[in-house]
């Protein structure tokens, strides 16, 4: 498949993937996450709203903890933030 062309069969396979009896555990959030991770699908379907798709987290890199910071003990603020993030997720 040429990267510049859209193959409708790929889109249909994603849409009907959930209807397959062996894959009943897929929820709209999984479909939304797959669309966001795929560049071509995100370009095509990036502006649509998926019912019950929930919110895809997009955390800026500067807010993420760096690996060298993981070696230092957590401060009180970091523990509070981690607890808050665990409640959200």
Protein backbone atom coordinates (compact mmCIF):
# COMPACT_ATOMS: atom_id res chain seq x y z
CA UNK A 1 0.00 0.00 0.00
CA UNK A 2 1.29 3.44 -0.90
CA UNK A 3 1.55 5.73 2.13
CA UNK A 4 -0.09 8.57 0.21
CA UNK A 5 -3.28 6.63 -0.57
CA UNK A 6 -6.03 5.57 1.80
CA UNK A 7 -7.24 1.98 1.61
CA UNK A 8 -10.88 1.80 2.77
CA UNK A 9 -10.51 -1.86 3.70
CA UNK A 10 -8.18 -0.89 6.56
CA UNK A 11 -10.77 1.52 7.92
CA UNK A 12 -13.53 -1.08 7.64
CA UNK A 13 -11.40 -3.65 9.44
CA UNK A 14 -11.07 -1.27 12.40
CA UNK A 15 -14.78 -0.47 12.45
CA UNK A 16 -15.89 -4.10 12.25
CA UNK A 17 -13.13 -5.39 14.52
CA UNK A 18 -15.35 -4.84 17.54
CA UNK A 19 -18.20 -6.83 16.01
CA UNK A 20 -16.08 -10.00 15.80
CA UNK A 21 -17.22 -12.49 18.46
CA UNK A 22 -13.68 -13.18 19.66
CA UNK A 23 -12.99 -9.53 20.34
CA UNK A 24 -15.95 -8.47 22.47
CA UNK A 25 -13.64 -6.93 25.06
CA UNK A 26 -12.79 -3.96 22.82
CA UNK A 27 -14.36 -0.71 23.97
CA UNK A 28 -14.71 2.62 22.13
CA UNK A 29 -11.71 3.96 24.07
CA UNK A 30 -9.50 1.28 22.46
CA UNK A 31 -10.67 2.32 19.00
CA UNK A 32 -10.04 5.99 19.79
CA UNK A 33 -6.58 5.18 21.12
CA UNK A 34 -5.73 3.19 17.97
CA UNK A 35 -6.88 6.08 15.77
CA UNK A 36 -4.76 8.56 17.74
CA UNK A 37 -1.65 6.38 17.48
CA UNK A 38 -1.94 5.75 13.72
CA UNK A 39 -0.86 8.76 11.63
CA UNK A 40 -3.04 8.02 8.60
CA UNK A 41 -6.18 7.27 10.61
CA UNK A 42 -5.56 10.26 12.85
CA UNK A 43 -5.31 12.48 9.78
CA UNK A 44 -8.56 11.07 8.41
CA UNK A 45 -10.56 10.71 11.63
CA UNK A 46 -8.75 13.04 14.03
CA UNK A 47 -11.60 15.56 14.23
CA UNK A 48 -14.43 13.15 14.95
CA UNK A 49 -15.92 12.36 18.34
CA UNK A 50 -16.29 8.73 19.36
CA UNK A 51 -19.21 8.17 21.71
CA UNK A 52 -18.00 6.85 25.07
CA UNK A 53 -14.45 7.16 23.77
CA UNK A 54 -13.29 8.97 26.92
CA UNK A 55 -10.33 11.34 26.92
CA UNK A 56 -6.94 10.40 25.51
CA UNK A 57 -4.26 11.75 27.81
CA UNK A 58 -1.65 13.93 26.18
CA UNK A 59 0.90 14.88 28.82
CA UNK A 60 3.58 17.34 27.76
CA UNK A 61 7.12 15.92 27.92
CA UNK A 62 8.32 18.63 30.29
CA UNK A 63 5.77 17.44 32.88
CA UNK A 64 6.84 13.81 32.75
CA UNK A 65 9.35 12.51 35.24
CA UNK A 66 12.82 11.97 33.80
CA UNK A 67 14.65 8.67 34.37
CA UNK A 68 17.44 10.30 36.36
CA UNK A 69 14.83 11.80 38.69
CA UNK A 70 13.52 8.32 39.41
CA UNK A 71 16.65 7.56 41.44
CA UNK A 72 16.01 10.38 43.91
CA UNK A 73 13.46 9.87 46.69
CA UNK A 74 10.01 11.28 46.02
CA UNK A 75 9.10 14.52 47.68
CA UNK A 76 5.73 15.06 49.31
CA UNK A 77 4.48 16.99 46.27
CA UNK A 78 5.46 14.20 43.87
CA UNK A 79 3.65 11.64 46.01
CA UNK A 80 0.52 13.80 46.03
CA UNK A 81 0.69 14.20 42.24
CA UNK A 82 1.15 10.45 41.75
CA UNK A 83 -1.86 9.73 43.97
CA UNK A 84 -3.94 12.24 42.01
CA UNK A 85 -2.89 10.71 38.67
CA UNK A 86 -3.75 7.22 39.95
CA UNK A 87 -7.23 8.44 40.87
CA UNK A 88 -7.68 9.95 37.40
CA UNK A 89 -6.46 6.86 35.55
